[in-house]
Amino acid sequence: MGSRVVRYCLFGIILLSPLPLGLNRPEIWNFVCILIGILGIFGLVIFTTDRTVQRKLKFLTLPGGFTLIFLIFVLLQSADFLGWLGNPIWKNIALIGGEEIPGTISINPSQSISSLLGYTAYIVVFFLAFITTRRTKNTLNEQLVFLCAGIIYATYGLIIYFSGNQKILWFDKWAYLNDLTSVFVNRNTYATFCGFIIVCSITCMFAQISNLRSASVKSYIGSLKGFSWPLYISILAFLLNTITLFLTHSRGGLLASICGVLCLCFIILVKHKERGIGLSLAGIALFFLLGFGLFLSGETTIQRISNTSVDTLLRDEAYQAILVGIKSSPWLGTGFGTFEDGFKTYYTESLNHLNWTKAHNTYLEIFFELGLIFGIVFFIPLSLVLFFLLQG
């Protein structure tokens, strides 16, 4: 019973987290983190009292160990008792101000702690999802819940986009005025959300179609005529989110979504070679649906993809400057979550007219903030979990 309540609450938080502004404001983000923390306490209670859950988590021992190392290191980055390990910036400030300042590895300890708390919220969400949602019989229903949310957000986004694109709920829209963002602020964030829904919808479609074991295309089509509502929800979610994905005009989101779909299709092909007719029909359907979405809404995205030379040159220059920053502090970094503050030191003349809050490359950003060794430690748990998931 307790596990079911935690699962429902977790689903509610995840489905409603885009409201409002896609957690783009610290007040909203902090409130959601508090809710996740409360759920995490209940999750720990379940973990300590349920032996089945404890057995499930055994294979996470290694990823959990590396995650713990990362958490400890970020705390050490923010500590002011490390003396000579502290960032040289504090010595320079002390020379200018004439007053001794306790040294920390992080150039902004409060920001590092804040970023650590945010990342911990993600860890707790993963932990809760892992201990409460790994039941095969519930998988389809859980995916359908996400698809329904995707349909609602996509429908709202399309209505707002074609009615002038001036609002996000009751707020005046101030960014990406020519791009569909639904209830999100950033078009790339919403494009990523669309990608998740598209991958989920393909999974549900295949789950429905794979139940049919007819020997011919004609019998497949005949069987589909009276098919159940989950298939129609999956098709509607796929179609709406494909259209909204193109209307976001997000190159990165489109590329990530395509990669996700290709990976999913590859896994399905490897696991279900015997279902050739169903897979062929699904592939043809996906092709036509993607073509339809591209025809309706892909022109601006294609133009942005074809006009990437200026952006690419600017980002290449930024990446070179980031590499210089990594070489300046290769072992300890500048502090988790401090990229915006730390990178200002490495601005060139052409980069100086923009505020680089992000590196636009997660890997470089992490190595900049954590250094090479602990940057690798950061990615090891993610890689191990991915490896375990690919094993099924």
Protein backbone atom coordinates (compact mmCIF):
# COMPACT_ATOMS: atom_id res chain seq x y z
CA MET A 1 0.00 0.00 0.00
CA GLY A 2 2.78 2.43 0.97
CA SER A 3 4.66 1.68 -2.24
CA ARG A 4 1.53 2.38 -4.29
CA VAL A 5 0.94 5.74 -2.59
CA VAL A 6 4.56 6.78 -3.17
CA ARG A 7 4.27 5.74 -6.83
CA TYR A 8 1.11 7.76 -7.37
CA CYS A 9 2.62 10.83 -5.69
CA LEU A 10 5.81 10.46 -7.74
CA PHE A 11 3.76 10.26 -10.94
CA GLY A 12 1.82 13.34 -9.92
CA ILE A 13 4.99 15.36 -9.27
CA ILE A 14 6.57 14.32 -12.57
CA LEU A 15 3.46 14.94 -14.65
CA LEU A 16 2.74 18.33 -13.06
CA SER A 17 6.36 19.52 -12.80
CA PRO A 18 6.14 21.41 -16.13
CA LEU A 19 3.51 23.63 -14.47
CA PRO A 20 4.21 26.43 -14.45
CA LEU A 21 7.19 27.42 -16.62
CA GLY A 22 8.83 23.98 -16.60
CA LEU A 23 10.56 24.52 -13.21
CA ASN A 24 12.30 27.55 -14.73
CA ARG A 25 12.02 29.60 -11.53
CA PRO A 26 13.88 28.81 -8.30
CA GLU A 27 10.78 29.16 -6.11
CA ILE A 28 8.96 26.46 -8.09
CA TRP A 29 12.04 24.25 -8.29
CA ASN A 30 12.64 24.51 -4.54
CA PHE A 31 9.02 23.62 -3.79
CA VAL A 32 9.21 20.53 -6.02
CA CYS A 33 12.52 19.53 -4.38
CA ILE A 34 10.86 19.69 -0.96
CA LEU A 35 8.07 17.40 -2.16
CA ILE A 36 10.63 14.99 -3.63
CA GLY A 37 12.56 15.03 -0.36
CA ILE A 38 9.43 14.13 1.62
CA LEU A 39 8.69 11.28 -0.79
CA GLY A 40 12.31 10.17 -0.49
CA ILE A 41 11.87 9.72 3.27
CA PHE A 42 8.87 7.47 2.66
CA GLY A 43 10.91 5.63 0.03
CA LEU A 44 13.64 4.95 2.60
CA VAL A 45 11.01 3.54 4.96
CA ILE A 46 9.84 1.18 2.21
CA PHE A 47 13.44 0.24 1.45
CA THR A 48 14.27 -0.62 5.07
CA THR A 49 11.10 -2.68 5.62
CA ASP A 50 10.66 -4.49 2.28
CA ARG A 51 13.16 -7.27 1.53
CA THR A 52 11.95 -7.50 -2.08
CA VAL A 53 12.96 -3.88 -2.66
CA GLN A 54 16.33 -4.51 -1.00
CA ARG A 55 17.01 -7.37 -3.42
CA LYS A 56 16.09 -5.17 -6.37
CA LEU A 57 18.61 -2.54 -5.34
CA LYS A 58 21.57 -4.91 -5.03
CA PHE A 59 22.72 -4.33 -8.60
CA LEU A 60 22.81 -0.57 -7.90
CA THR A 61 25.54 -0.99 -5.29
CA LEU A 62 28.36 -0.11 -7.71
CA PRO A 63 26.64 2.90 -9.33
CA GLY A 64 25.57 4.03 -5.85
CA GLY A 65 29.16 3.85 -4.61
CA PHE A 66 30.45 6.11 -7.38
CA THR A 67 27.52 8.49 -6.83
CA LEU A 68 28.44 8.72 -3.15
CA ILE A 69 32.06 9.54 -4.10
CA PHE A 70 30.78 12.34 -6.33
CA LEU A 71 28.53 13.75 -3.58
CA ILE A 72 31.37 13.73 -1.04
CA PHE A 73 33.71 15.45 -3.50
CA VAL A 74 31.24 18.29 -4.16
CA LEU A 75 30.88 18.79 -0.40
CA LEU A 76 34.68 18.99 -0.16
CA GLN A 77 34.71 21.48 -3.03
CA SER A 78 32.47 23.71 -0.93
CA ALA A 79 34.38 23.28 2.36
CA ASP A 80 36.63 26.08 3.58
CA PHE A 81 39.11 23.97 5.58
CA LEU A 82 41.21 22.55 2.73
CA GLY A 83 43.87 25.24 2.87
CA TRP A 84 46.33 24.90 -0.02
CA LEU A 85 43.80 22.93 -2.09
CA GLY A 86 41.58 25.99 -2.36
CA ASN A 87 41.10 27.81 -5.65
CA PRO A 88 43.87 30.41 -6.37
CA ILE A 89 41.14 33.02 -6.93
CA TRP A 90 40.80 33.49 -3.16
CA LYS A 91 44.50 34.43 -2.83
CA ASN A 92 44.10 37.06 -5.54
CA ILE A 93 41.02 38.49 -3.82
CA ALA A 94 42.89 38.53 -0.51
CA LEU A 95 45.77 40.45 -2.10
CA ILE A 96 43.37 43.04 -3.51
CA GLY A 97 41.30 43.42 -0.34
CA GLY A 98 44.15 42.99 2.13
CA GLU A 99 42.15 40.49 4.16
CA GLU A 100 42.67 36.73 4.44
CA ILE A 101 39.80 34.70 2.98
CA PRO A 102 39.21 31.01 3.78
CA GLY A 103 39.97 29.07 0.60
CA THR A 104 37.55 26.67 -1.07
CA ILE A 105 37.94 24.63 -4.24
CA SER A 106 34.65 26.01 -5.53
CA ILE A 107 34.69 29.62 -6.66
CA ASN A 108 31.04 29.84 -5.55
CA PRO A 109 30.42 27.40 -2.65
CA SER A 110 26.76 28.34 -2.18
CA GLN A 111 26.06 27.69 -5.85
CA SER A 112 27.82 24.33 -5.61
CA ILE A 113 25.68 23.30 -2.64
CA SER A 114 22.53 24.49 -4.43
CA SER A 115 23.44 22.50 -7.55
CA LEU A 116 24.24 19.47 -5.40
CA LEU A 117 20.79 19.61 -3.78
CA GLY A 118 19.19 19.82 -7.22
CA TYR A 119 21.15 16.82 -8.47
CA THR A 120 20.27 14.91 -5.31
CA ALA A 121 16.59 15.47 -6.18
CA TYR A 122 17.19 13.68 -9.48
CA ILE A 123 18.86 10.80 -7.64
CA VAL A 124 15.89 10.52 -5.28
CA VAL A 125 13.44 10.49 -8.23
CA PHE A 126 15.44 7.65 -9.82
CA PHE A 127 15.50 5.75 -6.52
CA LEU A 128 11.75 6.13 -6.02
CA ALA A 129 10.96 5.15 -9.60
CA PHE A 130 13.21 2.12 -9.32
CA ILE A 131 11.65 0.74 -6.15
CA THR A 132 8.01 1.45 -7.03
CA THR A 133 7.55 1.03 -10.80
CA ARG A 134 9.39 -2.14 -11.81
CA ARG A 135 6.31 -4.33 -12.26
CA THR A 136 5.75 -5.51 -15.82
CA LYS A 137 1.97 -5.74 -15.47
CA ASN A 138 1.76 -2.01 -14.64
CA THR A 139 4.17 -0.82 -17.34
CA LEU A 140 1.61 -0.20 -20.10
CA ASN A 141 -0.74 1.73 -17.79
CA GLU A 142 2.15 3.86 -16.49
CA GLN A 143 3.27 4.68 -20.01
CA LEU A 144 -0.28 5.56 -21.04
CA VAL A 145 -0.48 8.05 -18.17
CA PHE A 146 2.62 9.81 -19.52
CA LEU A 147 1.21 9.72 -23.05
CA CYS A 148 -2.01 11.39 -21.89
CA ALA A 149 0.04 14.13 -20.23
CA GLY A 150 2.03 14.51 -23.44
CA ILE A 151 -1.20 14.87 -25.43
CA ILE A 152 -2.50 17.55 -23.07
CA TYR A 153 0.74 19.59 -23.12
CA ALA A 154 1.04 19.25 -26.92
CA THR A 155 -2.59 20.27 -27.48
CA TYR A 156 -2.16 23.30 -25.23
CA GLY A 157 1.06 24.23 -27.03
CA LEU A 158 -0.56 24.03 -30.46
CA ILE A 159 -3.52 26.16 -29.36
CA ILE A 160 -1.24 28.85 -27.91
CA TYR A 161 1.14 28.73 -30.89
CA PHE A 162 -1.55 29.19 -33.54
CA SER A 163 -3.40 31.82 -31.48
CA GLY A 164 -0.41 34.19 -31.38
CA ASN A 165 2.17 32.50 -29.12
CA GLN A 166 2.10 35.33 -26.56
CA LYS A 167 1.39 33.47 -23.32
CA ILE A 168 2.68 30.68 -21.10
CA LEU A 169 -0.37 29.94 -18.98
CA TRP A 170 -1.17 33.33 -17.37
CA PHE A 171 2.35 34.75 -17.90
CA ASP A 172 3.39 36.94 -20.82
CA LYS A 173 5.90 35.06 -22.94
CA TRP A 174 9.29 36.79 -23.03
CA ALA A 175 11.49 34.32 -24.93
CA TYR A 176 11.24 32.14 -28.05
CA LEU A 177 8.29 34.13 -29.37
CA ASN A 178 8.42 32.33 -32.73
CA ASP A 179 8.80 28.83 -31.28
CA LEU A 180 6.33 26.47 -29.67
CA THR A 181 7.27 25.82 -26.03
CA SER A 182 3.90 24.76 -24.53
CA VAL A 183 4.11 25.37 -20.75
CA PHE A 184 7.93 25.39 -20.84
CA VAL A 185 10.13 28.46 -21.23
CA ASN A 186 13.01 26.93 -23.20
CA ARG A 187 12.27 25.35 -26.57
CA ASN A 188 15.07 22.78 -26.15
CA THR A 189 13.56 21.59 -22.87
CA TYR A 190 10.14 21.10 -24.40
CA ALA A 191 11.66 19.42 -27.47
CA THR A 192 13.35 16.93 -25.14
CA PHE A 193 10.02 16.31 -23.40
CA CYS A 194 8.42 15.67 -26.82
CA GLY A 195 11.21 13.21 -27.59
CA PHE A 196 10.44 11.27 -24.40
CA ILE A 197 6.75 11.10 -25.30
CA ILE A 198 7.53 9.98 -28.88
CA VAL A 199 9.79 7.15 -27.69
CA CYS A 200 7.18 6.13 -25.10
CA SER A 201 4.42 6.16 -27.72
CA ILE A 202 6.42 3.94 -30.07
CA THR A 203 6.96 1.50 -27.20
CA CYS A 204 3.22 1.38 -26.50
CA MET A 205 2.38 0.96 -30.19
CA PHE A 206 4.75 -1.95 -30.49
CA ALA A 207 3.43 -3.50 -27.28
CA GLN A 208 -0.06 -3.45 -28.80
CA ILE A 209 0.92 -4.62 -32.27
CA SER A 210 3.25 -7.34 -30.95
CA ASN A 211 0.25 -9.14 -29.43
CA LEU A 212 -0.93 -9.89 -32.96
CA ARG A 213 0.58 -13.01 -34.46
CA SER A 214 -1.12 -13.06 -37.86
CA ALA A 215 0.78 -14.43 -40.82
CA SER A 216 -0.10 -11.82 -43.45
CA VAL A 217 -0.40 -8.08 -43.87
CA LYS A 218 -4.12 -8.41 -44.65
CA SER A 219 -4.84 -10.23 -41.39
CA TYR A 220 -2.79 -7.66 -39.47
CA ILE A 221 -4.82 -4.80 -40.88
CA GLY A 222 -8.04 -6.66 -40.20
CA SER A 223 -7.01 -7.26 -36.59
CA LEU A 224 -6.15 -3.59 -36.05
CA LYS A 225 -9.65 -2.42 -37.01
CA GLY A 226 -11.14 -3.39 -33.69
CA PHE A 227 -8.12 -2.65 -31.58
CA SER A 228 -8.13 -1.18 -28.11
CA TRP A 229 -7.93 2.45 -27.05
CA PRO A 230 -4.26 2.29 -25.87
CA LEU A 231 -3.19 2.00 -29.51
CA TYR A 232 -5.20 5.09 -30.48
CA ILE A 233 -3.76 7.05 -27.55
CA SER A 234 -0.24 6.01 -28.61
CA ILE A 235 -0.80 7.09 -32.22
CA LEU A 236 -2.35 10.42 -31.16
CA ALA A 237 0.51 11.12 -28.73
CA PHE A 238 3.09 10.27 -31.39
CA LEU A 239 1.45 12.46 -34.03
CA LEU A 240 0.85 15.52 -31.81
CA ASN A 241 4.31 15.43 -30.24
CA THR A 242 6.02 14.94 -33.60
CA ILE A 243 4.29 18.08 -34.87
CA THR A 244 5.12 20.08 -31.73
CA LEU A 245 8.72 18.80 -31.81
CA PHE A 246 9.23 20.33 -35.25
CA LEU A 247 7.45 23.54 -34.22
CA THR A 248 9.90 24.04 -31.35
CA HIS A 249 12.54 24.57 -34.07
CA SER A 250 15.06 22.97 -31.71
CA ARG A 251 17.95 21.36 -33.57
CA GLY A 252 19.35 19.65 -30.49
CA GLY A 253 15.95 18.39 -29.37
CA LEU A 254 15.20 17.01 -32.85
CA LEU A 255 18.57 15.27 -33.05
CA ALA A 256 18.21 13.77 -29.57
CA SER A 257 14.70 12.55 -30.36
CA ILE A 258 15.80 10.93 -33.61
CA CYS A 259 18.67 9.20 -31.81
CA GLY A 260 16.26 7.94 -29.14
CA VAL A 261 13.84 6.57 -31.75
CA LEU A 262 16.65 4.88 -33.69
CA CYS A 263 18.04 3.27 -30.53
CA LEU A 264 14.59 2.02 -29.55
CA CYS A 265 13.93 0.59 -33.03
CA PHE A 266 17.32 -1.14 -33.01
CA ILE A 267 16.59 -2.76 -29.63
CA ILE A 268 13.16 -3.89 -30.84
CA LEU A 269 14.68 -5.40 -33.98
CA VAL A 270 17.31 -7.28 -31.98
CA LYS A 271 14.82 -8.58 -29.41
CA HIS A 272 11.93 -9.42 -31.75
CA LYS A 273 13.37 -10.62 -35.06
CA GLU A 274 10.53 -13.08 -35.56
CA ARG A 275 7.83 -10.41 -35.79
CA GLY A 276 8.76 -9.20 -39.25
CA ILE A 277 5.31 -8.19 -40.52
CA GLY A 278 4.40 -6.20 -37.43
CA LEU A 279 7.75 -4.42 -37.41
CA SER A 280 7.50 -3.63 -41.12
CA LEU A 281 4.03 -2.15 -40.68
CA ALA A 282 5.18 -0.15 -37.66
CA GLY A 283 8.19 1.14 -39.61
CA ILE A 284 6.02 2.22 -42.54
CA ALA A 285 3.58 3.94 -40.18
CA LEU A 286 6.39 5.78 -38.40
CA PHE A 287 7.84 6.88 -41.73
CA PHE A 288 4.54 8.38 -42.89
CA LEU A 289 3.79 9.99 -39.52
CA LEU A 290 7.26 11.59 -39.39
CA GLY A 291 6.83 12.75 -42.99
CA PHE A 292 3.46 14.27 -42.11
CA GLY A 293 4.95 16.11 -39.12
CA LEU A 294 7.84 17.36 -41.24
CA PHE A 295 5.46 18.56 -43.96
CA LEU A 296 3.32 20.48 -41.44
CA SER A 297 5.97 22.08 -39.31
CA GLY A 298 9.53 21.29 -40.27
CA GLU A 299 10.47 24.14 -42.65
CA THR A 300 11.88 26.52 -40.03
CA THR A 301 13.77 23.70 -38.29
CA ILE A 302 15.38 22.63 -41.56
CA GLN A 303 16.36 26.26 -42.24
CA ARG A 304 17.97 26.47 -38.79
CA ILE A 305 19.86 23.24 -39.43
CA SER A 306 21.12 24.56 -42.77
CA ASN A 307 22.20 27.87 -41.21
CA THR A 308 24.31 26.55 -38.36
CA SER A 309 27.70 27.81 -39.54
CA VAL A 310 27.74 30.99 -37.39
CA ASP A 311 26.48 29.19 -34.28
CA THR A 312 28.94 26.35 -34.86
CA LEU A 313 31.91 28.70 -35.18
CA LEU A 314 30.92 30.56 -32.00
CA ARG A 315 30.42 27.35 -30.04
CA ASP A 316 33.70 25.92 -31.34
CA GLU A 317 35.44 29.01 -30.00
CA ALA A 318 33.63 28.59 -26.68
CA TYR A 319 34.69 24.92 -26.51
CA GLN A 320 38.31 25.92 -27.08
CA ALA A 321 38.06 28.44 -24.23
CA ILE A 322 36.47 25.78 -21.99
CA LEU A 323 39.36 23.40 -22.74
CA VAL A 324 41.75 26.15 -21.64
CA GLY A 325 39.75 26.42 -18.40
CA ILE A 326 39.92 22.65 -17.86
CA LYS A 327 43.69 22.71 -18.33
CA SER A 328 43.93 25.51 -15.75
CA SER A 329 42.31 23.32 -13.08
CA PRO A 330 42.44 19.73 -14.40
CA TRP A 331 42.15 17.84 -11.10
CA LEU A 332 39.71 19.72 -8.86
CA GLY A 333 37.68 21.92 -11.22
CA THR A 334 36.03 25.23 -10.35
CA GLY A 335 33.15 23.80 -8.33
CA PHE A 336 29.99 21.91 -9.24
CA GLY A 337 27.42 24.27 -10.78
CA THR A 338 29.86 27.19 -11.16
CA PHE A 339 30.35 27.16 -14.93
CA GLU A 340 28.73 30.55 -15.46
CA ASP A 341 30.99 32.23 -12.89
CA GLY A 342 34.16 30.35 -13.81
CA PHE A 343 33.92 30.67 -17.57
CA LYS A 344 33.82 34.48 -17.48
CA THR A 345 37.58 34.43 -16.90
CA TYR A 346 38.07 32.77 -20.29
CA TYR A 347 35.82 34.99 -22.43
CA THR A 348 37.34 36.05 -25.74
CA GLU A 349 36.38 39.24 -27.56
CA SER A 350 33.76 37.46 -29.69
CA LEU A 351 32.34 35.54 -26.71
CA ASN A 352 32.15 38.58 -24.47
CA HIS A 353 28.86 39.94 -25.88
CA LEU A 354 26.96 36.87 -24.65
CA ASN A 355 26.34 35.51 -21.15
CA TRP A 356 27.36 31.85 -21.26
CA THR A 357 25.25 30.34 -18.51
CA LYS A 358 25.78 26.88 -19.99
CA ALA A 359 28.52 25.30 -22.07
CA HIS A 360 26.08 23.75 -24.60
CA ASN A 361 28.13 20.60 -24.06
CA THR A 362 27.37 18.70 -20.86
CA TYR A 363 30.62 16.72 -20.90
CA LEU A 364 32.88 19.75 -21.20
CA GLU A 365 30.83 21.60 -18.58
CA ILE A 366 31.15 18.74 -16.07
CA PHE A 367 34.90 18.39 -16.60
CA PHE A 368 35.24 22.17 -16.24
CA GLU A 369 33.41 22.10 -12.90
CA LEU A 370 34.70 18.81 -11.43
CA GLY A 371 38.07 18.24 -13.08
CA LEU A 372 39.01 15.19 -15.13
CA ILE A 373 39.04 12.46 -12.47
CA PHE A 374 35.81 13.36 -10.70
CA GLY A 375 34.20 14.27 -14.03
CA ILE A 376 34.71 10.64 -15.04
CA VAL A 377 33.37 9.54 -11.64
CA PHE A 378 30.24 11.61 -12.32
CA PHE A 379 29.52 9.76 -15.58
CA ILE A 380 30.32 6.22 -14.35
CA PRO A 381 26.97 5.63 -12.52
CA LEU A 382 25.01 6.84 -15.55
CA SER A 383 27.03 4.55 -17.83
CA LEU A 384 26.57 1.55 -15.52
CA VAL A 385 22.80 2.06 -15.28
CA LEU A 386 22.60 2.38 -19.08
CA PHE A 387 24.60 -0.86 -19.40
CA PHE A 388 22.24 -2.68 -17.01
CA LEU A 389 19.19 -1.34 -18.87
CA LEU A 390 20.54 -2.53 -22.25
CA GLN A 391 20.90 -5.99 -20.74
CA GLY A 392 17.14 -5.94 -20.04
